């Protein structure tokens, strides 16, 4: 019963984190940067300054759809981030460039995440079917395999945490040192990046607790 309660609490925390990141982004998207830099300007400058002038930046539709594509080596920014001059836009843009820099310097956790992604992609897709089949046929072996496959996706989310925090730290350092923001604007940058980080923490927490719940049920039924 306690484990179910923890999972529910973690799920509610995840919903709150998503609500907060949207609210924080909207709040600071209304605050223009003092130097007038757009998200594109900041990203382009940061890429060029780090020897990544060959990495293009593309606008994409959708809110908070920003990401770095390591396969095609492209930074993709949502249209509000790409075109607007705001604390939110510059913060998010520089965070994504932080991932491009990680790729260039072979940041260990990012490299690990890339290596295990194909395995995780397969495992996360098959895990629910293994669990359902195990329950329907009362097969502890299938349930056990399902839990093992599900644990791969949990491991992926845990590995993602240091990758995201490191990208944000790189972004904040460059933004201040290179003058993308003033010292009095750093507070807003921290709010935006910390709110975004919370979503990854919440997702990892939900998955981790769900894994513990499945293991507890599995072990309990075997006794």
N, C-alpha and C. Protein backbone atom coordinates (compact mmCIF):
# COMPACT_ATOMS: atom_id res chain seq x y z
N UNK A 1 0.83 -1.21 0.00
CA UNK A 1 0.00 0.00 0.00
C UNK A 1 0.86 1.26 0.00
N UNK A 2 1.91 1.25 0.81
CA UNK A 2 2.80 2.40 0.89
C UNK A 2 3.49 2.66 -0.44
N UNK A 3 3.88 1.58 -1.14
CA UNK A 3 4.56 1.74 -2.43
C UNK A 3 3.62 2.37 -3.45
N UNK A 4 2.35 1.94 -3.46
CA UNK A 4 1.37 2.53 -4.37
C UNK A 4 1.22 4.03 -4.09
N UNK A 5 1.19 4.38 -2.82
CA UNK A 5 1.05 5.77 -2.42
C UNK A 5 2.24 6.60 -2.89
N UNK A 6 3.44 6.04 -2.76
CA UNK A 6 4.65 6.74 -3.20
C UNK A 6 4.64 6.96 -4.71
N UNK A 7 4.18 5.95 -5.44
CA UNK A 7 4.11 6.09 -6.90
C UNK A 7 3.13 7.20 -7.28
N UNK A 8 1.99 7.25 -6.60
CA UNK A 8 0.99 8.29 -6.87
C UNK A 8 1.55 9.67 -6.56
N UNK A 9 2.24 9.79 -5.42
CA UNK A 9 2.83 11.07 -5.03
C UNK A 9 3.88 11.50 -6.08
N UNK A 10 4.69 10.54 -6.51
CA UNK A 10 5.71 10.85 -7.52
C UNK A 10 5.07 11.28 -8.83
N UNK A 11 3.95 10.63 -9.19
CA UNK A 11 3.25 11.00 -10.42
C UNK A 11 2.69 12.42 -10.32
N UNK A 12 2.13 12.75 -9.17
CA UNK A 12 1.61 14.11 -8.97
C UNK A 12 2.74 15.13 -9.00
N UNK A 13 3.89 14.75 -8.46
CA UNK A 13 5.07 15.62 -8.50
C UNK A 13 5.50 15.85 -9.94
N UNK A 14 5.40 14.80 -10.76
CA UNK A 14 5.75 14.92 -12.17
C UNK A 14 4.82 15.89 -12.89
N UNK A 15 3.52 15.80 -12.59
CA UNK A 15 2.55 16.72 -13.20
C UNK A 15 2.83 18.16 -12.77
N UNK A 16 3.15 18.32 -11.47
CA UNK A 16 3.47 19.66 -10.96
C UNK A 16 4.71 20.21 -11.63
N UNK A 17 5.73 19.35 -11.84
CA UNK A 17 6.97 19.79 -12.48
C UNK A 17 6.71 20.26 -13.91
N UNK A 18 5.86 19.54 -14.62
CA UNK A 18 5.54 19.94 -15.99
C UNK A 18 4.78 21.26 -16.00
N UNK A 19 3.87 21.41 -15.06
CA UNK A 19 3.12 22.67 -14.95
C UNK A 19 4.06 23.83 -14.62
N UNK A 20 5.01 23.55 -13.73
CA UNK A 20 5.93 24.61 -13.31
C UNK A 20 6.85 25.04 -14.44
N UNK A 21 7.36 24.08 -15.23
CA UNK A 21 8.28 24.46 -16.30
C UNK A 21 7.58 25.32 -17.34
N UNK A 22 6.32 24.99 -17.62
CA UNK A 22 5.56 25.79 -18.58
C UNK A 22 5.30 27.19 -18.02
N UNK A 23 4.92 27.23 -16.73
CA UNK A 23 4.65 28.53 -16.11
C UNK A 23 5.89 29.39 -16.02
N UNK A 24 7.01 28.78 -15.65
CA UNK A 24 8.27 29.53 -15.53
C UNK A 24 8.74 30.02 -16.89
N UNK A 25 8.63 29.15 -17.90
CA UNK A 25 9.03 29.56 -19.25
C UNK A 25 8.19 30.74 -19.72
N UNK A 26 6.87 30.65 -19.52
CA UNK A 26 5.98 31.73 -19.96
C UNK A 26 6.29 33.03 -19.22
N UNK A 27 6.58 32.93 -17.93
CA UNK A 27 6.88 34.12 -17.14
C UNK A 27 8.12 34.84 -17.66
N UNK A 28 9.20 34.09 -17.85
CA UNK A 28 10.46 34.71 -18.26
C UNK A 28 10.55 34.93 -19.75
N UNK A 29 9.58 34.41 -20.51
CA UNK A 29 9.55 34.71 -21.94
C UNK A 29 9.05 36.13 -22.18
N UNK A 30 8.47 36.71 -21.13
CA UNK A 30 8.00 38.09 -21.22
C UNK A 30 9.05 39.10 -20.78
N UNK A 31 10.19 38.59 -20.34
CA UNK A 31 11.28 39.47 -19.89
C UNK A 31 12.38 39.47 -20.94
N UNK A 32 12.54 40.57 -21.64
CA UNK A 32 13.52 40.66 -22.71
C UNK A 32 14.94 40.72 -22.16
N UNK A 33 15.87 40.17 -22.92
CA UNK A 33 17.28 40.27 -22.54
C UNK A 33 17.75 41.71 -22.77
N UNK A 34 18.65 42.15 -21.92
CA UNK A 34 19.11 43.54 -21.99
C UNK A 34 19.83 43.84 -23.30
N UNK A 35 20.55 42.83 -23.83
CA UNK A 35 21.31 43.08 -25.06
C UNK A 35 20.52 42.76 -26.33
N UNK A 36 19.28 42.31 -26.17
CA UNK A 36 18.43 42.06 -27.33
C UNK A 36 18.69 40.76 -28.06
N UNK A 37 19.52 39.89 -27.51
CA UNK A 37 19.83 38.61 -28.17
C UNK A 37 18.59 37.72 -28.23
N UNK A 38 18.37 37.11 -29.38
CA UNK A 38 17.33 36.10 -29.51
C UNK A 38 17.93 34.73 -29.15
N UNK A 39 17.07 33.74 -29.06
CA UNK A 39 17.57 32.40 -28.79
C UNK A 39 18.52 31.95 -29.89
N UNK A 40 18.17 32.27 -31.14
CA UNK A 40 19.04 31.91 -32.26
C UNK A 40 20.40 32.60 -32.14
N UNK A 41 20.38 33.89 -31.84
CA UNK A 41 21.63 34.65 -31.73
C UNK A 41 22.56 34.03 -30.69
N UNK A 42 21.99 33.72 -29.52
CA UNK A 42 22.80 33.16 -28.43
C UNK A 42 23.34 31.79 -28.81
N UNK A 43 22.48 30.97 -29.40
CA UNK A 43 22.90 29.62 -29.79
C UNK A 43 23.99 29.67 -30.85
N UNK A 44 23.82 30.53 -31.86
CA UNK A 44 24.81 30.64 -32.94
C UNK A 44 26.16 31.13 -32.40
N UNK A 45 26.11 32.11 -31.53
CA UNK A 45 27.33 32.66 -30.96
C UNK A 45 28.03 31.61 -30.11
N UNK A 46 27.28 30.87 -29.31
CA UNK A 46 27.85 29.86 -28.42
C UNK A 46 28.45 28.70 -29.22
N UNK A 47 27.77 28.30 -30.28
CA UNK A 47 28.30 27.24 -31.13
C UNK A 47 29.60 27.67 -31.80
N UNK A 48 29.59 28.87 -32.38
CA UNK A 48 30.78 29.36 -33.07
C UNK A 48 31.97 29.52 -32.13
N UNK A 49 31.69 30.00 -30.92
CA UNK A 49 32.76 30.22 -29.93
C UNK A 49 33.38 28.92 -29.45
N UNK A 50 32.66 27.82 -29.66
CA UNK A 50 33.17 26.51 -29.22
C UNK A 50 33.56 25.61 -30.38
N UNK A 51 33.86 26.22 -31.51
CA UNK A 51 34.33 25.46 -32.66
C UNK A 51 33.29 24.59 -33.32
N UNK A 52 32.03 25.00 -33.21
CA UNK A 52 30.93 24.21 -33.78
C UNK A 52 30.16 25.03 -34.82
N UNK A 53 30.90 25.78 -35.62
CA UNK A 53 30.26 26.63 -36.63
C UNK A 53 29.58 25.81 -37.72
N UNK A 54 29.94 24.51 -37.81
CA UNK A 54 29.33 23.65 -38.82
C UNK A 54 28.00 23.05 -38.36
N UNK A 55 27.64 23.29 -37.09
CA UNK A 55 26.37 22.78 -36.56
C UNK A 55 25.26 23.78 -36.85
N UNK A 56 24.27 23.40 -37.65
CA UNK A 56 23.18 24.33 -37.97
C UNK A 56 22.15 24.43 -36.85
N UNK A 57 21.35 25.48 -36.93
CA UNK A 57 20.24 25.68 -35.99
C UNK A 57 18.96 25.78 -36.80
N UNK A 58 17.98 24.97 -36.44
CA UNK A 58 16.73 24.94 -37.19
C UNK A 58 15.55 25.27 -36.29
N UNK A 59 14.60 26.07 -36.78
CA UNK A 59 13.37 26.31 -36.00
C UNK A 59 12.40 25.15 -36.19
N UNK A 60 11.72 24.76 -35.14
CA UNK A 60 10.71 23.69 -35.23
C UNK A 60 9.44 24.16 -34.53
N UNK A 61 8.32 23.60 -34.94
CA UNK A 61 7.05 23.97 -34.33
C UNK A 61 6.85 23.24 -33.01
N UNK A 62 5.98 23.79 -32.20
CA UNK A 62 5.66 23.15 -30.92
C UNK A 62 6.32 23.86 -29.75
N UNK A 63 5.60 23.90 -28.64
CA UNK A 63 6.13 24.52 -27.43
C UNK A 63 7.09 23.58 -26.73
N UNK A 64 8.22 24.11 -26.29
CA UNK A 64 9.23 23.35 -25.56
C UNK A 64 9.63 22.07 -26.31
N UNK A 65 9.74 22.18 -27.63
CA UNK A 65 10.16 21.05 -28.46
C UNK A 65 11.65 21.13 -28.79
N UNK A 66 12.36 21.97 -28.06
CA UNK A 66 13.78 22.21 -28.31
C UNK A 66 14.60 20.95 -28.00
N UNK A 67 15.59 20.67 -28.84
CA UNK A 67 16.47 19.54 -28.60
C UNK A 67 17.70 19.60 -29.49
N UNK A 68 18.71 18.84 -29.11
CA UNK A 68 19.89 18.67 -29.94
C UNK A 68 19.84 17.27 -30.54
N UNK A 69 19.99 17.19 -31.85
CA UNK A 69 19.98 15.92 -32.57
C UNK A 69 21.42 15.46 -32.77
N UNK A 70 21.88 14.47 -32.00
CA UNK A 70 23.28 14.05 -32.09
C UNK A 70 23.60 13.26 -33.36
N UNK A 71 22.57 12.66 -33.97
CA UNK A 71 22.81 11.88 -35.19
C UNK A 71 23.09 12.80 -36.38
N UNK A 72 22.24 13.81 -36.54
CA UNK A 72 22.42 14.77 -37.65
C UNK A 72 23.22 16.00 -37.25
N UNK A 73 23.58 16.09 -35.96
CA UNK A 73 24.34 17.22 -35.41
C UNK A 73 23.65 18.54 -35.76
N UNK A 74 22.43 18.66 -35.26
CA UNK A 74 21.62 19.86 -35.49
C UNK A 74 20.99 20.29 -34.17
N UNK A 75 21.03 21.60 -33.91
CA UNK A 75 20.31 22.16 -32.77
C UNK A 75 18.95 22.63 -33.28
N UNK A 76 17.90 22.08 -32.71
CA UNK A 76 16.55 22.47 -33.13
C UNK A 76 15.87 23.23 -32.01
N UNK A 77 15.41 24.42 -32.33
CA UNK A 77 14.77 25.29 -31.34
C UNK A 77 13.33 25.55 -31.72
N UNK A 78 12.44 25.49 -30.73
CA UNK A 78 11.04 25.82 -30.98
C UNK A 78 10.97 27.27 -31.44
N UNK A 79 9.94 27.58 -32.20
CA UNK A 79 9.86 28.91 -32.79
C UNK A 79 9.91 30.06 -31.78
N UNK A 80 9.22 29.93 -30.62
CA UNK A 80 9.34 31.02 -29.63
C UNK A 80 10.77 31.22 -29.13
N UNK A 81 11.52 30.13 -29.01
CA UNK A 81 12.91 30.22 -28.55
C UNK A 81 13.80 30.75 -29.67
N UNK A 82 13.58 30.28 -30.87
CA UNK A 82 14.41 30.65 -32.02
C UNK A 82 14.33 32.15 -32.32
N UNK A 83 13.11 32.68 -32.33
CA UNK A 83 12.91 34.05 -32.81
C UNK A 83 12.88 35.11 -31.73
N UNK A 84 12.55 34.74 -30.49
CA UNK A 84 12.30 35.75 -29.47
C UNK A 84 13.55 36.13 -28.69
N UNK A 85 13.52 37.35 -28.19
CA UNK A 85 14.60 37.87 -27.33
C UNK A 85 14.07 37.92 -25.91
N UNK A 86 14.34 36.86 -25.16
CA UNK A 86 13.86 36.80 -23.78
C UNK A 86 14.80 35.94 -22.94
N UNK A 87 14.65 36.04 -21.64
CA UNK A 87 15.46 35.23 -20.72
C UNK A 87 15.20 33.74 -20.98
N UNK A 88 13.93 33.39 -21.18
CA UNK A 88 13.59 31.99 -21.43
C UNK A 88 14.21 31.50 -22.73
N UNK A 89 14.08 32.28 -23.79
CA UNK A 89 14.58 31.86 -25.09
C UNK A 89 16.09 31.63 -25.07
N UNK A 90 16.82 32.58 -24.52
CA UNK A 90 18.27 32.46 -24.48
C UNK A 90 18.71 31.31 -23.58
N UNK A 91 18.01 31.12 -22.47
CA UNK A 91 18.36 30.04 -21.53
C UNK A 91 18.20 28.67 -22.18
N UNK A 92 17.05 28.46 -22.81
CA UNK A 92 16.77 27.17 -23.43
C UNK A 92 17.71 26.92 -24.61
N UNK A 93 17.95 27.96 -25.41
CA UNK A 93 18.82 27.82 -26.58
C UNK A 93 20.24 27.42 -26.16
N UNK A 94 20.75 28.08 -25.14
CA UNK A 94 22.11 27.78 -24.69
C UNK A 94 22.19 26.40 -24.03
N UNK A 95 21.12 25.99 -23.39
CA UNK A 95 21.09 24.65 -22.81
C UNK A 95 21.24 23.59 -23.91
N UNK A 96 20.53 23.76 -25.01
CA UNK A 96 20.63 22.80 -26.11
C UNK A 96 22.02 22.81 -26.74
N UNK A 97 22.63 23.99 -26.83
CA UNK A 97 24.00 24.06 -27.33
C UNK A 97 24.95 23.35 -26.36
N UNK A 98 24.59 23.38 -25.07
CA UNK A 98 25.38 22.65 -24.08
C UNK A 98 25.48 21.18 -24.44
N UNK A 99 24.41 20.61 -24.98
CA UNK A 99 24.43 19.21 -25.42
C UNK A 99 25.35 19.03 -26.63
N UNK A 100 25.34 20.01 -27.53
CA UNK A 100 26.22 19.93 -28.70
C UNK A 100 27.69 19.96 -28.27
N UNK A 101 27.98 20.76 -27.26
CA UNK A 101 29.35 20.82 -26.73
C UNK A 101 29.71 19.50 -26.06
N UNK A 102 28.77 18.93 -25.31
CA UNK A 102 29.00 17.62 -24.70
C UNK A 102 29.36 16.59 -25.76
N UNK A 103 28.66 16.64 -26.88
CA UNK A 103 28.91 15.72 -27.98
C UNK A 103 30.32 15.90 -28.52
N UNK A 104 30.72 17.14 -28.67
CA UNK A 104 32.05 17.44 -29.22
C UNK A 104 33.16 16.94 -28.31
N UNK A 105 33.02 17.15 -27.00
CA UNK A 105 34.08 16.79 -26.06
C UNK A 105 33.94 15.35 -25.54
N UNK A 106 32.94 14.63 -26.08
CA UNK A 106 32.71 13.23 -25.68
C UNK A 106 32.44 13.11 -24.17
N UNK A 107 31.52 13.93 -23.71
CA UNK A 107 31.11 13.86 -22.31
C UNK A 107 30.66 12.43 -22.00
N UNK A 108 31.28 11.77 -21.02
CA UNK A 108 31.07 10.33 -20.79
C UNK A 108 29.61 9.90 -20.64
N UNK A 109 28.83 10.64 -19.86
CA UNK A 109 27.45 10.23 -19.63
C UNK A 109 26.60 10.36 -20.90
N UNK A 110 26.90 11.38 -21.71
CA UNK A 110 26.17 11.53 -22.97
C UNK A 110 26.56 10.40 -23.93
N UNK A 111 27.84 10.07 -23.96
CA UNK A 111 28.30 8.97 -24.82
C UNK A 111 27.64 7.66 -24.39
N UNK A 112 27.55 7.45 -23.08
CA UNK A 112 26.91 6.23 -22.57
C UNK A 112 25.44 6.19 -22.97
N UNK A 113 24.78 7.32 -22.85
CA UNK A 113 23.35 7.38 -23.20
C UNK A 113 23.14 7.06 -24.67
N UNK A 114 24.02 7.55 -25.52
CA UNK A 114 23.91 7.27 -26.95
C UNK A 114 24.12 5.79 -27.24
N UNK A 115 25.07 5.19 -26.54
CA UNK A 115 25.38 3.78 -26.80
C UNK A 115 24.23 2.85 -26.41
N UNK A 116 23.59 3.16 -25.29
CA UNK A 116 22.55 2.24 -24.80
C UNK A 116 21.17 2.58 -25.37
N UNK A 117 21.04 3.67 -26.10
CA UNK A 117 19.73 4.08 -26.59
C UNK A 117 19.04 3.00 -27.44
N UNK A 118 19.73 2.36 -28.40
CA UNK A 118 19.04 1.33 -29.19
C UNK A 118 18.50 0.19 -28.32
N UNK A 119 19.29 -0.21 -27.32
CA UNK A 119 18.86 -1.27 -26.43
C UNK A 119 17.66 -0.82 -25.60
N UNK A 120 17.74 0.39 -25.08
CA UNK A 120 16.65 0.92 -24.26
C UNK A 120 15.39 1.10 -25.08
N UNK A 121 15.53 1.55 -26.31
CA UNK A 121 14.38 1.75 -27.18
C UNK A 121 13.64 0.43 -27.41
N UNK A 122 14.40 -0.63 -27.62
CA UNK A 122 13.81 -1.95 -27.79
C UNK A 122 13.20 -2.45 -26.48
N UNK A 123 13.96 -2.31 -25.39
CA UNK A 123 13.52 -2.84 -24.10
C UNK A 123 12.26 -2.15 -23.60
N UNK A 124 12.21 -0.82 -23.74
CA UNK A 124 11.04 -0.09 -23.24
C UNK A 124 9.79 -0.41 -24.05
N UNK A 125 9.99 -0.77 -25.32
CA UNK A 125 8.84 -1.11 -26.15
C UNK A 125 8.28 -2.49 -25.84
N UNK A 126 9.16 -3.42 -25.49
CA UNK A 126 8.71 -4.79 -25.26
C UNK A 126 8.33 -5.07 -23.80
N UNK A 127 8.83 -4.26 -22.87
CA UNK A 127 8.58 -4.49 -21.44
C UNK A 127 7.10 -4.60 -21.09
N UNK A 128 6.23 -3.69 -21.54
CA UNK A 128 4.80 -3.80 -21.17
C UNK A 128 4.17 -5.10 -21.65
N UNK A 129 4.55 -5.55 -22.85
CA UNK A 129 3.98 -6.79 -23.39
C UNK A 129 4.44 -8.00 -22.57
N UNK A 130 5.71 -7.96 -22.14
CA UNK A 130 6.22 -9.06 -21.33
C UNK A 130 5.50 -9.11 -19.99
N UNK A 131 5.27 -7.96 -19.39
CA UNK A 131 4.59 -7.90 -18.10
C UNK A 131 3.14 -8.37 -18.21
N UNK A 132 2.46 -7.90 -19.25
CA UNK A 132 1.06 -8.29 -19.45
C UNK A 132 0.95 -9.79 -19.72
N UNK A 133 1.85 -10.28 -20.58
CA UNK A 133 1.83 -11.71 -20.90
C UNK A 133 2.13 -12.54 -19.66
N UNK A 134 3.07 -12.05 -18.84
CA UNK A 134 3.40 -12.76 -17.62
C UNK A 134 2.24 -12.86 -16.66
N UNK A 135 1.47 -11.77 -16.58
CA UNK A 135 0.30 -11.75 -15.69
C UNK A 135 -0.81 -12.65 -16.22
N UNK A 136 -1.06 -12.58 -17.55
CA UNK A 136 -2.13 -13.38 -18.15
C UNK A 136 -1.86 -14.88 -18.05
N UNK A 137 -0.59 -15.25 -18.23
CA UNK A 137 -0.25 -16.68 -18.23
C UNK A 137 0.37 -17.13 -16.90
N UNK A 138 0.33 -16.22 -15.91
CA UNK A 138 0.88 -16.53 -14.58
C UNK A 138 2.31 -17.06 -14.69
N UNK A 139 3.09 -16.39 -15.53
CA UNK A 139 4.48 -16.81 -15.76
C UNK A 139 5.43 -15.85 -15.06
N UNK A 140 6.07 -16.33 -13.99
CA UNK A 140 7.02 -15.48 -13.28
C UNK A 140 8.25 -15.18 -14.14
N UNK A 141 8.58 -16.09 -15.03
CA UNK A 141 9.73 -15.86 -15.91
C UNK A 141 9.48 -14.69 -16.85
N UNK A 142 8.28 -14.62 -17.42
CA UNK A 142 7.95 -13.50 -18.31
C UNK A 142 7.88 -12.19 -17.54
N UNK A 143 7.30 -12.22 -16.35
CA UNK A 143 7.23 -11.01 -15.52
C UNK A 143 8.64 -10.56 -15.16
N UNK A 144 9.50 -11.51 -14.82
CA UNK A 144 10.88 -11.17 -14.48
C UNK A 144 11.60 -10.54 -15.65
N UNK A 145 11.39 -11.08 -16.85
CA UNK A 145 12.00 -10.49 -18.05
C UNK A 145 11.46 -9.09 -18.30
N UNK A 146 10.14 -8.93 -18.09
CA UNK A 146 9.54 -7.61 -18.27
C UNK A 146 10.15 -6.59 -17.33
N UNK A 147 10.40 -7.00 -16.10
CA UNK A 147 11.01 -6.09 -15.12
C UNK A 147 12.44 -5.75 -15.53
N UNK A 148 13.16 -6.73 -16.04
CA UNK A 148 14.54 -6.47 -16.49
C UNK A 148 14.54 -5.47 -17.65
N UNK A 149 13.63 -5.68 -18.61
CA UNK A 149 13.54 -4.75 -19.74
C UNK A 149 13.13 -3.35 -19.27
N UNK A 150 12.18 -3.29 -18.33
CA UNK A 150 11.74 -1.99 -17.81
C UNK A 150 12.87 -1.29 -17.07
N UNK A 151 13.71 -2.04 -16.40
CA UNK A 151 14.82 -1.45 -15.65
C UNK A 151 15.81 -0.75 -16.58
N UNK A 152 15.86 -1.18 -17.84
CA UNK A 152 16.76 -0.53 -18.81
C UNK A 152 16.32 0.90 -19.06
N UNK A 153 15.01 1.11 -19.17
CA UNK A 153 14.51 2.47 -19.39
C UNK A 153 14.70 3.34 -18.15
N UNK A 154 14.61 2.72 -16.97
CA UNK A 154 14.87 3.46 -15.73
C UNK A 154 16.32 3.90 -15.68
N UNK A 155 17.21 2.98 -16.03
CA UNK A 155 18.64 3.31 -16.06
C UNK A 155 18.92 4.46 -17.02
N UNK A 156 18.23 4.45 -18.16
CA UNK A 156 18.40 5.51 -19.16
C UNK A 156 18.00 6.86 -18.58
N UNK A 157 16.89 6.89 -17.85
CA UNK A 157 16.44 8.15 -17.27
C UNK A 157 17.39 8.64 -16.17
N UNK A 158 17.96 7.71 -15.43
CA UNK A 158 18.92 8.10 -14.39
C UNK A 158 20.19 8.66 -15.02
N UNK A 159 20.63 8.07 -16.12
CA UNK A 159 21.81 8.56 -16.83
C UNK A 159 21.54 9.94 -17.43
N UNK A 160 20.29 10.17 -17.80
CA UNK A 160 19.91 11.45 -18.40
C UNK A 160 20.08 12.62 -17.42
N UNK A 161 19.90 12.37 -16.13
CA UNK A 161 19.97 13.45 -15.15
C UNK A 161 21.29 14.21 -15.19
N UNK A 162 22.45 13.54 -15.03
CA UNK A 162 23.70 14.30 -15.09
C UNK A 162 23.95 14.95 -16.45
N UNK A 163 23.43 14.34 -17.51
CA UNK A 163 23.58 14.94 -18.84
C UNK A 163 22.86 16.29 -18.90
N UNK A 164 21.65 16.34 -18.39
CA UNK A 164 20.87 17.57 -18.42
C UNK A 164 21.44 18.64 -17.49
N UNK A 165 21.83 18.23 -16.28
CA UNK A 165 22.40 19.20 -15.34
C UNK A 165 23.71 19.76 -15.87
N UNK A 166 24.52 18.91 -16.47
CA UNK A 166 25.80 19.37 -17.02
C UNK A 166 25.59 20.36 -18.16
N UNK A 167 24.61 20.09 -19.02
CA UNK A 167 24.33 21.00 -20.13
C UNK A 167 23.88 22.36 -19.62
N UNK A 168 23.07 22.36 -18.55
CA UNK A 168 22.61 23.62 -17.97
C UNK A 168 23.77 24.39 -17.33
N UNK A 169 24.65 23.67 -16.65
CA UNK A 169 25.81 24.32 -16.03
C UNK A 169 26.72 24.94 -17.08
N UNK A 170 26.94 24.23 -18.18
CA UNK A 170 27.74 24.78 -19.28
C UNK A 170 27.08 26.04 -19.83
N UNK A 171 25.77 25.99 -20.01
CA UNK A 171 25.04 27.12 -20.56
C UNK A 171 25.16 28.34 -19.66
N UNK A 172 24.91 28.17 -18.37
CA UNK A 172 24.93 29.29 -17.44
C UNK A 172 26.31 29.93 -17.39
N UNK A 173 27.35 29.11 -17.39
CA UNK A 173 28.71 29.64 -17.31
C UNK A 173 29.03 30.49 -18.54
N UNK A 174 28.70 29.97 -19.72
CA UNK A 174 29.00 30.69 -20.96
C UNK A 174 28.16 31.96 -21.06
N UNK A 175 26.90 31.88 -20.67
CA UNK A 175 26.00 33.03 -20.79
C UNK A 175 26.50 34.22 -19.99
N UNK A 176 27.06 33.96 -18.83
CA UNK A 176 27.57 35.04 -17.99
C UNK A 176 28.93 35.51 -18.50
N UNK A 177 29.82 34.57 -18.78
CA UNK A 177 31.18 34.93 -19.20
C UNK A 177 31.19 35.67 -20.53
N UNK A 178 30.32 35.26 -21.46
CA UNK A 178 30.31 35.86 -22.79
C UNK A 178 29.36 37.06 -22.90
N UNK A 179 28.67 37.36 -21.82
CA UNK A 179 27.82 38.55 -21.82
C UNK A 179 26.48 38.40 -22.52
N UNK A 180 26.01 37.16 -22.66
CA UNK A 180 24.69 36.96 -23.25
C UNK A 180 23.61 37.53 -22.32
N UNK A 181 23.91 37.49 -21.03
CA UNK A 181 23.02 38.06 -20.03
C UNK A 181 23.84 38.89 -19.05
N UNK A 182 23.18 39.78 -18.35
CA UNK A 182 23.85 40.54 -17.30
C UNK A 182 23.75 39.77 -15.99
N UNK A 183 24.57 40.16 -15.03
CA UNK A 183 24.56 39.46 -13.74
C UNK A 183 23.19 39.48 -13.08
N UNK A 184 22.46 40.59 -13.26
CA UNK A 184 21.15 40.68 -12.61
C UNK A 184 20.09 39.85 -13.35
N UNK A 185 20.44 39.30 -14.52
CA UNK A 185 19.51 38.46 -15.26
C UNK A 185 19.73 36.97 -14.98
N UNK A 186 20.82 36.66 -14.28
CA UNK A 186 21.16 35.27 -14.02
C UNK A 186 20.10 34.58 -13.16
N UNK A 187 19.42 35.34 -12.31
CA UNK A 187 18.36 34.77 -11.48
C UNK A 187 17.27 34.16 -12.34
N UNK A 188 16.87 34.86 -13.39
CA UNK A 188 15.84 34.36 -14.28
C UNK A 188 16.30 33.13 -15.04
N UNK A 189 17.55 33.14 -15.46
CA UNK A 189 18.11 31.99 -16.16
C UNK A 189 18.07 30.75 -15.26
N UNK A 190 18.46 30.93 -14.01
CA UNK A 190 18.46 29.81 -13.05
C UNK A 190 17.04 29.27 -12.86
N UNK A 191 16.06 30.16 -12.78
CA UNK A 191 14.67 29.74 -12.61
C UNK A 191 14.21 28.87 -13.78
N UNK A 192 14.53 29.31 -14.99
CA UNK A 192 14.10 28.58 -16.19
C UNK A 192 14.77 27.20 -16.26
N UNK A 193 16.07 27.17 -16.08
CA UNK A 193 16.81 25.91 -16.21
C UNK A 193 16.50 24.95 -15.07
N UNK A 194 16.33 25.47 -13.87
CA UNK A 194 16.01 24.59 -12.73
C UNK A 194 14.62 23.99 -12.87
N UNK A 195 13.69 24.77 -13.39
CA UNK A 195 12.33 24.25 -13.59
C UNK A 195 12.35 23.13 -14.62
N UNK A 196 13.13 23.33 -15.68
CA UNK A 196 13.24 22.29 -16.71
C UNK A 196 13.87 21.02 -16.13
N UNK A 197 14.88 21.19 -15.30
CA UNK A 197 15.57 20.04 -14.70
C UNK A 197 14.63 19.23 -13.82
N UNK A 198 13.68 19.91 -13.18
CA UNK A 198 12.74 19.22 -12.30
C UNK A 198 11.91 18.16 -13.05
N UNK A 199 11.62 18.42 -14.32
CA UNK A 199 10.82 17.47 -15.08
C UNK A 199 11.58 16.15 -15.27
N UNK A 200 12.90 16.25 -15.44
CA UNK A 200 13.71 15.03 -15.60
C UNK A 200 13.83 14.29 -14.27
N UNK A 201 13.97 15.05 -13.20
CA UNK A 201 14.03 14.43 -11.87
C UNK A 201 12.73 13.71 -11.56
N UNK A 202 11.62 14.37 -11.85
CA UNK A 202 10.31 13.77 -11.57
C UNK A 202 10.09 12.51 -12.40
N UNK A 203 10.45 12.56 -13.67
CA UNK A 203 10.27 11.39 -14.54
C UNK A 203 11.10 10.21 -14.05
N UNK A 204 12.33 10.50 -13.64
CA UNK A 204 13.20 9.43 -13.13
C UNK A 204 12.65 8.86 -11.84
N UNK A 205 12.11 9.72 -10.99
CA UNK A 205 11.56 9.28 -9.70
C UNK A 205 10.35 8.37 -9.91
N UNK A 206 9.47 8.77 -10.81
CA UNK A 206 8.28 7.96 -11.09
C UNK A 206 8.69 6.57 -11.60
N UNK A 207 9.62 6.55 -12.55
CA UNK A 207 10.06 5.27 -13.11
C UNK A 207 10.76 4.40 -12.08
N UNK A 208 11.56 5.03 -11.24
CA UNK A 208 12.30 4.27 -10.23
C UNK A 208 11.35 3.64 -9.21
N UNK A 209 10.36 4.40 -8.77
CA UNK A 209 9.39 3.87 -7.81
C UNK A 209 8.52 2.78 -8.44
N UNK A 210 8.19 2.97 -9.70
CA UNK A 210 7.40 1.94 -10.40
C UNK A 210 8.21 0.64 -10.51
N UNK A 211 9.50 0.77 -10.76
CA UNK A 211 10.36 -0.41 -10.82
C UNK A 211 10.39 -1.12 -9.47
N UNK A 212 10.55 -0.36 -8.40
CA UNK A 212 10.56 -0.96 -7.06
C UNK A 212 9.22 -1.64 -6.77
N UNK A 213 8.14 -1.02 -7.22
CA UNK A 213 6.81 -1.61 -6.99
C UNK A 213 6.69 -2.96 -7.70
N UNK A 214 7.15 -3.01 -8.95
CA UNK A 214 7.08 -4.24 -9.72
C UNK A 214 7.94 -5.34 -9.10
N UNK A 215 9.12 -4.95 -8.64
CA UNK A 215 10.01 -5.93 -8.00
C UNK A 215 9.39 -6.45 -6.71
N UNK A 216 8.78 -5.54 -5.95
CA UNK A 216 8.14 -5.95 -4.68
C UNK A 216 7.01 -6.93 -4.93
N UNK A 217 6.18 -6.64 -5.94
CA UNK A 217 5.07 -7.54 -6.28
C UNK A 217 5.61 -8.89 -6.75
N UNK A 218 6.63 -8.84 -7.58
CA UNK A 218 7.22 -10.07 -8.12
C UNK A 218 7.77 -10.96 -7.02
N UNK A 219 8.55 -10.36 -6.11
CA UNK A 219 9.14 -11.14 -5.04
C UNK A 219 8.08 -11.64 -4.06
N UNK A 220 7.06 -10.79 -3.83
CA UNK A 220 6.00 -11.19 -2.92
C UNK A 220 5.20 -12.37 -3.43
N UNK A 221 4.95 -12.41 -4.72
CA UNK A 221 4.17 -13.49 -5.30
C UNK A 221 4.95 -14.80 -5.40
N UNK A 222 6.27 -14.69 -5.42
CA UNK A 222 7.10 -15.90 -5.51
C UNK A 222 7.22 -16.60 -4.15
N UNK A 223 7.04 -15.84 -3.07
CA UNK A 223 7.18 -16.43 -1.73
C UNK A 223 6.01 -17.35 -1.38
